[in-house]
C-alpha atoms as a PDB file:
ATOM      1  CA  MET A   1      33.027 170.753 -44.724  1.00  0.00           C
ATOM      2  CA  THR A   2      29.353 170.183 -44.006  1.00  0.00           C
ATOM      3  CA  THR A   3      27.795 170.326 -40.569  1.00  0.00           C
ATOM      4  CA  LEU A   4      27.584 166.534 -40.448  1.00  0.00           C
ATOM      5  CA  GLU A   5      31.262 166.211 -41.345  1.00  0.00           C
ATOM      6  CA  ARG A   6      32.499 168.528 -38.626  1.00  0.00           C
ATOM      7  CA  PRO A   7      33.976 166.849 -35.538  1.00  0.00           C
ATOM      8  CA  GLN A   8      31.478 166.775 -32.731  1.00  0.00           C
ATOM      9  CA  PRO A   9      32.526 168.473 -29.491  1.00  0.00           C
ATOM     10  CA  LYS A  10      33.883 166.131 -26.843  1.00  0.00           C
ATOM     11  CA  LEU A  11      31.650 165.615 -23.835  1.00  0.00           C
ATOM     12  CA  SER A  12      32.757 167.519 -20.764  1.00  0.00           C
ATOM     13  CA  MET A  13      33.386 165.719 -17.505  1.00  0.00           C
ATOM     14  CA  ALA A  14      30.221 167.353 -16.162  1.00  0.00           C
ATOM     15  CA  ASP A  15      28.295 165.901 -19.118  1.00  0.00           C
ATOM     16  CA  LYS A  16      29.703 162.465 -18.388  1.00  0.00           C
ATOM     17  CA  ALA A  17      28.859 162.759 -14.693  1.00  0.00           C
ATOM     18  CA  ALA A  18      25.308 163.600 -15.733  1.00  0.00           C
ATOM     19  CA  ARG A  19      25.233 160.467 -17.893  1.00  0.00           C
ATOM     20  CA  ILE A  20      26.458 158.360 -14.980  1.00  0.00           C
ATOM     21  CA  ASP A  21      23.774 159.928 -12.796  1.00  0.00           C
ATOM     22  CA  ALA A  22      21.080 159.100 -15.322  1.00  0.00           C
ATOM     23  CA  ILE A  23      22.287 155.510 -15.681  1.00  0.00           C
ATOM     24  CA  CYS A  24      22.655 154.883 -11.955  1.00  0.00           C
ATOM     25  CA  ASP A  25      19.520 156.702 -10.835  1.00  0.00           C
ATOM     26  CA  LYS A  26      17.492 154.612 -13.270  1.00  0.00           C
ATOM     27  CA  ALA A  27      19.268 151.345 -12.474  1.00  0.00           C
ATOM     28  CA  ARG A  28      19.654 151.645  -8.666  1.00  0.00           C
ATOM     29  CA  ILE A  29      21.210 148.158  -8.732  1.00  0.00           C
ATOM     30  CA  LEU A  30      24.036 147.266 -11.104  1.00  0.00           C
ATOM     31  CA  PRO A  31      24.372 143.477 -11.332  1.00  0.00           C
ATOM     32  CA  VAL A  32      28.053 142.586 -11.621  1.00  0.00           C
ATOM     33  CA  ILE A  33      27.935 139.868 -14.260  1.00  0.00           C
ATOM     34  CA  THR A  34      30.641 137.347 -15.184  1.00  0.00           C
ATOM     35  CA  ILE A  35      29.740 135.128 -18.136  1.00  0.00           C
ATOM     36  CA  ALA A  36      31.105 131.578 -17.879  1.00  0.00           C
ATOM     37  CA  ARG A  37      29.379 130.206 -21.002  1.00  0.00           C
ATOM     38  CA  GLU A  38      28.421 131.974 -24.193  1.00  0.00           C
ATOM     39  CA  GLU A  39      25.003 130.308 -24.227  1.00  0.00           C
ATOM     40  CA  ASP A  40      24.142 132.000 -20.921  1.00  0.00           C
ATOM     41  CA  ILE A  41      24.413 135.548 -22.270  1.00  0.00           C
ATOM     42  CA  LEU A  42      20.881 136.125 -23.521  1.00  0.00           C
ATOM     43  CA  PRO A  43      18.852 134.029 -21.058  1.00  0.00           C
ATOM     44  CA  LEU A  44      20.673 135.575 -18.098  1.00  0.00           C
ATOM     45  CA  ALA A  45      20.074 139.101 -19.372  1.00  0.00           C
ATOM     46  CA  ASP A  46      16.452 138.260 -20.103  1.00  0.00           C
ATOM     47  CA  ALA A  47      15.922 136.876 -16.594  1.00  0.00           C
ATOM     48  CA  LEU A  48      17.390 140.002 -15.006  1.00  0.00           C
ATOM     49  CA  ALA A  49      15.316 142.246 -17.253  1.00  0.00           C
ATOM     50  CA  ALA A  50      12.141 140.316 -16.491  1.00  0.00           C
ATOM     51  CA  GLY A  51      12.829 140.925 -12.803  1.00  0.00           C
ATOM     52  CA  GLY A  52      13.222 144.660 -13.415  1.00  0.00           C
ATOM     53  CA  ILE A  53      17.014 144.967 -13.712  1.00  0.00           C
ATOM     54  CA  ARG A  54      17.769 146.382 -17.154  1.00  0.00           C
ATOM     55  CA  THR A  55      21.127 148.081 -16.641  1.00  0.00           C
ATOM     56  CA  LEU A  56      23.930 145.526 -16.678  1.00  0.00           C
ATOM     57  CA  GLU A  57      27.621 145.650 -15.814  1.00  0.00           C
ATOM     58  CA  VAL A  58      29.283 142.865 -17.800  1.00  0.00           C
ATOM     59  CA  THR A  59      32.768 142.215 -16.459  1.00  0.00           C
ATOM     60  CA  LEU A  60      35.866 141.223 -18.386  1.00  0.00           C
ATOM     61  CA  ARG A  61      36.679 138.552 -15.804  1.00  0.00           C
ATOM     62  CA  SER A  62      36.090 135.806 -18.372  1.00  0.00           C
ATOM     63  CA  GLN A  63      36.826 135.251 -22.033  1.00  0.00           C
ATOM     64  CA  TYR A  64      33.172 135.916 -22.875  1.00  0.00           C
ATOM     65  CA  GLY A  65      32.936 139.459 -21.509  1.00  0.00           C
ATOM     66  CA  LEU A  66      33.516 141.312 -24.767  1.00  0.00           C
ATOM     67  CA  LYS A  67      31.341 138.885 -26.685  1.00  0.00           C
ATOM     68  CA  ALA A  68      28.524 139.357 -24.182  1.00  0.00           C
ATOM     69  CA  ILE A  69      28.667 143.148 -24.540  1.00  0.00           C
ATOM     70  CA  GLN A  70      28.548 142.857 -28.331  1.00  0.00           C
ATOM     71  CA  VAL A  71      25.673 140.368 -28.322  1.00  0.00           C
ATOM     72  CA  LEU A  72      23.592 142.334 -25.850  1.00  0.00           C
ATOM     73  CA  ARG A  73      24.098 145.638 -27.633  1.00  0.00           C
ATOM     74  CA  GLU A  74      23.063 144.026 -30.921  1.00  0.00           C
ATOM     75  CA  GLN A  75      20.243 141.787 -29.742  1.00  0.00           C
ATOM     76  CA  ARG A  76      18.933 143.551 -26.627  1.00  0.00           C
ATOM     77  CA  PRO A  77      19.134 147.251 -27.545  1.00  0.00           C
ATOM     78  CA  GLU A  78      16.528 148.119 -24.912  1.00  0.00           C
ATOM     79  CA  LEU A  79      19.050 147.255 -22.176  1.00  0.00           C
ATOM     80  CA  CYS A  80      21.813 149.565 -20.956  1.00  0.00           C
ATOM     81  CA  VAL A  81      25.048 147.578 -21.104  1.00  0.00           C
ATOM     82  CA  GLY A  82      28.307 148.626 -19.499  1.00  0.00           C
ATOM     83  CA  ALA A  83      31.692 146.997 -19.057  1.00  0.00           C
ATOM     84  CA  GLY A  84      33.274 146.160 -15.695  1.00  0.00           C
ATOM     85  CA  THR A  85      36.709 145.022 -14.537  1.00  0.00           C
ATOM     86  CA  VAL A  86      38.385 147.253 -17.116  1.00  0.00           C
ATOM     87  CA  LEU A  87      42.005 147.392 -16.009  1.00  0.00           C
ATOM     88  CA  ASP A  88      43.946 149.384 -18.600  1.00  0.00           C
ATOM     89  CA  ARG A  89      43.669 151.565 -21.684  1.00  0.00           C
ATOM     90  CA  SER A  90      43.718 148.650 -24.128  1.00  0.00           C
ATOM     91  CA  MET A  91      40.769 147.023 -22.355  1.00  0.00           C
ATOM     92  CA  PHE A  92      39.009 150.395 -22.350  1.00  0.00           C
ATOM     93  CA  ALA A  93      39.461 150.628 -26.122  1.00  0.00           C
ATOM     94  CA  ALA A  94      38.181 147.067 -26.560  1.00  0.00           C
ATOM     95  CA  VAL A  95      34.949 147.682 -24.643  1.00  0.00           C
ATOM     96  CA  GLU A  96      34.405 150.926 -26.547  1.00  0.00           C
ATOM     97  CA  ALA A  97      34.656 148.969 -29.783  1.00  0.00           C
ATOM     98  CA  ALA A  98      32.262 146.340 -28.407  1.00  0.00           C
ATOM     99  CA  GLY A  99      29.637 149.015 -27.798  1.00  0.00           C
ATOM    100  CA  ALA A 100      29.730 149.453 -24.026  1.00  0.00           C
ATOM    101  CA  GLN A 101      27.618 152.387 -22.850  1.00  0.00           C
ATOM    102  CA  PHE A 102      29.608 152.954 -19.674  1.00  0.00           C
ATOM    103  CA  VAL A 103      32.815 151.640 -18.123  1.00  0.00           C
ATOM    104  CA  VAL A 104      33.554 150.599 -14.534  1.00  0.00           C
ATOM    105  CA  THR A 105      36.978 149.868 -13.055  1.00  0.00           C
ATOM    106  CA  PRO A 106      37.893 148.163  -9.756  1.00  0.00           C
ATOM    107  CA  GLY A 107      40.627 150.706  -9.088  1.00  0.00           C
ATOM    108  CA  ILE A 108      42.483 153.568 -10.717  1.00  0.00           C
ATOM    109  CA  THR A 109      45.726 154.419 -12.461  1.00  0.00           C
ATOM    110  CA  GLN A 110      46.593 157.770 -13.971  1.00  0.00           C
ATOM    111  CA  ASP A 111      46.412 156.171 -17.423  1.00  0.00           C
ATOM    112  CA  ILE A 112      42.916 154.716 -16.983  1.00  0.00           C
ATOM    113  CA  LEU A 113      41.657 158.015 -15.580  1.00  0.00           C
ATOM    114  CA  GLU A 114      43.067 159.854 -18.589  1.00  0.00           C
ATOM    115  CA  ALA A 115      41.511 157.278 -20.915  1.00  0.00           C
ATOM    116  CA  GLY A 116      38.168 158.104 -19.346  1.00  0.00           C
ATOM    117  CA  VAL A 117      38.730 161.819 -19.889  1.00  0.00           C
ATOM    118  CA  ASP A 118      39.560 161.163 -23.551  1.00  0.00           C
ATOM    119  CA  SER A 119      36.596 158.858 -24.180  1.00  0.00           C
ATOM    120  CA  GLU A 120      33.018 159.791 -25.009  1.00  0.00           C
ATOM    121  CA  ILE A 121      31.888 156.880 -22.805  1.00  0.00           C
ATOM    122  CA  PRO A 122      31.452 157.779 -19.121  1.00  0.00           C
ATOM    123  CA  LEU A 123      33.837 156.090 -16.711  1.00  0.00           C
ATOM    124  CA  LEU A 124      32.961 155.154 -13.128  1.00  0.00           C
ATOM    125  CA  PRO A 125      36.391 154.631 -11.552  1.00  0.00           C
ATOM    126  CA  GLY A 126      36.862 152.403  -8.529  1.00  0.00           C
ATOM    127  CA  ILE A 127      38.384 153.904  -5.383  1.00  0.00           C
ATOM    128  CA  SER A 128      38.900 152.911  -1.769  1.00  0.00           C
ATOM    129  CA  THR A 129      40.741 155.905  -0.239  1.00  0.00           C
ATOM    130  CA  PRO A 130      40.477 159.707  -0.064  1.00  0.00           C
ATOM    131  CA  SER A 131      43.756 160.019  -1.977  1.00  0.00           C
ATOM    132  CA  GLU A 132      42.306 158.066  -4.887  1.00  0.00           C
ATOM    133  CA  ILE A 133      39.221 160.284  -4.884  1.00  0.00           C
ATOM    134  CA  MET A 134      41.539 163.300  -5.090  1.00  0.00           C
ATOM    135  CA  MET A 135      43.414 161.802  -8.040  1.00  0.00           C
ATOM    136  CA  GLY A 136      40.164 161.488  -9.936  1.00  0.00           C
ATOM    137  CA  TYR A 137      38.854 164.822  -8.665  1.00  0.00           C
ATOM    138  CA  ALA A 138      41.842 166.626 -10.163  1.00  0.00           C
ATOM    139  CA  LEU A 139      40.800 165.364 -13.605  1.00  0.00           C
ATOM    140  CA  GLY A 140      37.156 166.288 -13.195  1.00  0.00           C
ATOM    141  CA  TYR A 141      35.661 163.046 -11.869  1.00  0.00           C
ATOM    142  CA  ARG A 142      32.788 163.457  -9.428  1.00  0.00           C
ATOM    143  CA  ARG A 143      31.309 159.939  -9.532  1.00  0.00           C
ATOM    144  CA  PHE A 144      33.129 156.872  -8.166  1.00  0.00           C
ATOM    145  CA  LYS A 145      32.656 153.231  -7.327  1.00  0.00           C
ATOM    146  CA  LEU A 146      33.658 152.351  -3.744  1.00  0.00           C
ATOM    147  CA  PHE A 147      35.254 148.893  -3.898  1.00  0.00           C
ATOM    148  CA  PRO A 148      35.352 146.628  -2.004  1.00  0.00           C
ATOM    149  CA  ALA A 149      32.741 148.592  -0.116  1.00  0.00           C
ATOM    150  CA  GLU A 150      32.263 146.553   3.052  1.00  0.00           C
ATOM    151  CA  ILE A 151      35.994 145.987   3.544  1.00  0.00           C
ATOM    152  CA  CYS A 152      36.672 149.694   2.970  1.00  0.00           C
ATOM    153  CA  GLY A 153      34.334 150.798   5.730  1.00  0.00           C
ATOM    154  CA  GLY A 154      30.959 150.512   4.056  1.00  0.00           C
ATOM    155  CA  VAL A 155      28.212 152.901   5.098  1.00  0.00           C
ATOM    156  CA  ALA A 156      30.421 154.620   7.684  1.00  0.00           C
ATOM    157  CA  ALA A 157      33.128 155.334   5.101  1.00  0.00           C
ATOM    158  CA  ILE A 158      30.676 156.849   2.631  1.00  0.00           C
ATOM    159  CA  LYS A 159      29.225 159.054   5.369  1.00  0.00           C
ATOM    160  CA  ALA A 160      32.751 160.209   6.240  1.00  0.00           C
ATOM    161  CA  PHE A 161      33.610 160.928   2.596  1.00  0.00           C
ATOM    162  CA  GLY A 162      30.583 163.221   2.454  1.00  0.00           C
ATOM    163  CA  GLY A 163      32.393 165.766   4.628  1.00  0.00           C
ATOM    164  CA  PRO A 164      35.409 166.710   2.504  1.00  0.00           C
ATOM    165  CA  PHE A 165      33.853 165.575  -0.780  1.00  0.00           C
ATOM    166  CA  GLY A 166      30.416 167.117  -0.729  1.00  0.00           C
ATOM    167  CA  ASP A 167      29.899 167.000  -4.506  1.00  0.00           C
ATOM    168  CA  ILE A 168      30.890 163.340  -4.901  1.00  0.00           C
ATOM    169  CA  ARG A 169      28.420 160.467  -5.312  1.00  0.00           C
ATOM    170  CA  PHE A 170      29.233 156.783  -5.007  1.00  0.00           C
ATOM    171  CA  CYS A 171      28.235 153.343  -6.244  1.00  0.00           C
ATOM    172  CA  PRO A 172      29.328 150.967  -3.452  1.00  0.00           C
ATOM    173  CA  THR A 173      30.142 147.454  -4.670  1.00  0.00           C
ATOM    174  CA  GLY A 174      31.584 144.477  -2.832  1.00  0.00           C
ATOM    175  CA  GLY A 175      29.723 142.960   0.072  1.00  0.00           C
ATOM    176  CA  VAL A 176      26.437 144.698  -0.708  1.00  0.00           C
ATOM    177  CA  ASN A 177      23.550 142.314  -0.026  1.00  0.00           C
ATOM    178  CA  PRO A 178      19.856 142.279   0.912  1.00  0.00           C
ATOM    179  CA  ALA A 179      20.707 142.831   4.582  1.00  0.00           C
ATOM    180  CA  ASN A 180      22.564 146.116   4.033  1.00  0.00           C
ATOM    181  CA  VAL A 181      21.469 147.466   0.645  1.00  0.00           C
ATOM    182  CA  ARG A 182      18.813 149.771   2.104  1.00  0.00           C
ATOM    183  CA  ASN A 183      21.376 151.275   4.497  1.00  0.00           C
ATOM    184  CA  TYR A 184      23.551 152.190   1.529  1.00  0.00           C
ATOM    185  CA  MET A 185      20.705 153.531  -0.576  1.00  0.00           C
ATOM    186  CA  ALA A 186      19.525 155.736   2.279  1.00  0.00           C
ATOM    187  CA  LEU A 187      22.740 157.786   2.057  1.00  0.00           C
ATOM    188  CA  PRO A 188      22.400 161.022   0.063  1.00  0.00           C
ATOM    189  CA  ASN A 189      25.761 160.537  -1.655  1.00  0.00           C
ATOM    190  CA  VAL A 190      24.947 157.022  -2.916  1.00  0.00           C
ATOM    191  CA  MET A 191      23.453 156.924  -6.415  1.00  0.00           C
ATOM    192  CA  CYS A 192      23.187 153.144  -6.829  1.00  0.00           C
ATOM    193  CA  VAL A 193      24.784 149.914  -5.628  1.00  0.00           C
ATOM    194  CA  GLY A 194      26.533 147.043  -7.335  1.00  0.00           C
ATOM    195  CA  GLY A 195      25.773 143.481  -6.361  1.00  0.00           C
ATOM    196  CA  THR A 196      25.818 139.821  -7.273  1.00  0.00           C
ATOM    197  CA  TRP A 197      23.321 138.273  -4.866  1.00  0.00           C
ATOM    198  CA  MET A 198      20.710 137.853  -7.608  1.00  0.00           C
ATOM    199  CA  LEU A 199      23.311 136.004  -9.730  1.00  0.00           C
ATOM    200  CA  ASP A 200      24.199 132.901  -7.749  1.00  0.00           C
ATOM    201  CA  SER A 201      26.620 130.901  -9.874  1.00  0.00           C
ATOM    202  CA  SER A 202      24.779 127.628  -9.238  1.00  0.00           C
ATOM    203  CA  TRP A 203      21.544 129.145 -10.556  1.00  0.00           C
ATOM    204  CA  ILE A 204      23.308 130.240 -13.725  1.00  0.00           C
ATOM    205  CA  LYS A 205      25.070 126.893 -14.126  1.00  0.00           C
ATOM    206  CA  ASN A 206      21.747 125.059 -13.792  1.00  0.00           C
ATOM    207  CA  GLY A 207      19.859 127.478 -16.015  1.00  0.00           C
ATOM    208  CA  ASP A 208      17.512 128.438 -13.175  1.00  0.00           C
ATOM    209  CA  TRP A 209      16.448 131.635 -14.902  1.00  0.00           C
ATOM    210  CA  ALA A 210      13.138 131.796 -13.035  1.00  0.00           C
ATOM    211  CA  ARG A 211      14.985 131.990  -9.729  1.00  0.00           C
ATOM    212  CA  ILE A 212      17.217 134.788 -11.016  1.00  0.00           C
ATOM    213  CA  GLU A 213      14.153 136.657 -12.249  1.00  0.00           C
ATOM    214  CA  ALA A 214      12.431 136.244  -8.871  1.00  0.00           C
ATOM    215  CA  CYS A 215      15.508 137.343  -6.911  1.00  0.00           C
ATOM    216  CA  SER A 216      15.914 140.367  -9.179  1.00  0.00           C
ATOM    217  CA  ALA A 217      12.300 141.353  -8.609  1.00  0.00           C
ATOM    218  CA  GLU A 218      12.777 140.950  -4.853  1.00  0.00           C
ATOM    219  CA  ALA A 219      15.836 143.210  -4.977  1.00  0.00           C
ATOM    220  CA  ILE A 220      13.921 145.933  -6.785  1.00  0.00           C
ATOM    221  CA  ALA A 221      10.993 145.580  -4.365  1.00  0.00           C
ATOM    222  CA  LEU A 222      13.410 145.922  -1.442  1.00  0.00           C
ATOM    223  CA  LEU A 223      14.592 149.283  -2.798  1.00  0.00           C
ATOM    224  CA  ASP A 224      11.057 150.402  -3.535  1.00  0.00           C
ATOM    225  CA  ALA A 225      10.275 149.827   0.135  1.00  0.00           C
ATOM    226  CA  ASN A 226      13.179 152.071   1.210  1.00  0.00           C
END
């Protein structure tokens, strides 16, 4: 067996945490994208990218989620494209096949956590309680999405988690907006945030790509001013 034919070593959980760190530290904002029409895939991504948001979380909340991941990976290779709203192992396998570069879930099950351990793609599992953090921690996870962040206690909750879970970092999503985003990003255990405020559904429906670009640029400028 040649060197090229030998199985490559599986990434460790520490390696995958480092990948999540690199993705989130570069992105700072993960737009949570739901595609309602196939024709919106490229112009929406282009508008976000033009505004400075080039790491995208494409959810599986619509029938076009997998298609969008495939199209963006093929036609916009300069973007970092992940999959969101992954609910079970079969969906995890589907987004892997579509080319997703990272996976985000709204919550956890033992099976989805184990799927993330088995995969070469880093998983950012969604949690809302200390017990859920401990479930993931036992399998080597050190990076989590807090969802729905504002309902789960928001900034105060993340500060509290920093006590018992000093090596954990979070991506809060759900209720994050221009009024509170800087409060989240000021926390040392927050690596990025997820949001939708730059993706108003009426703007997408009307093809107002310039407005999405402008709002994306404003979001990045708001973080730069932090």
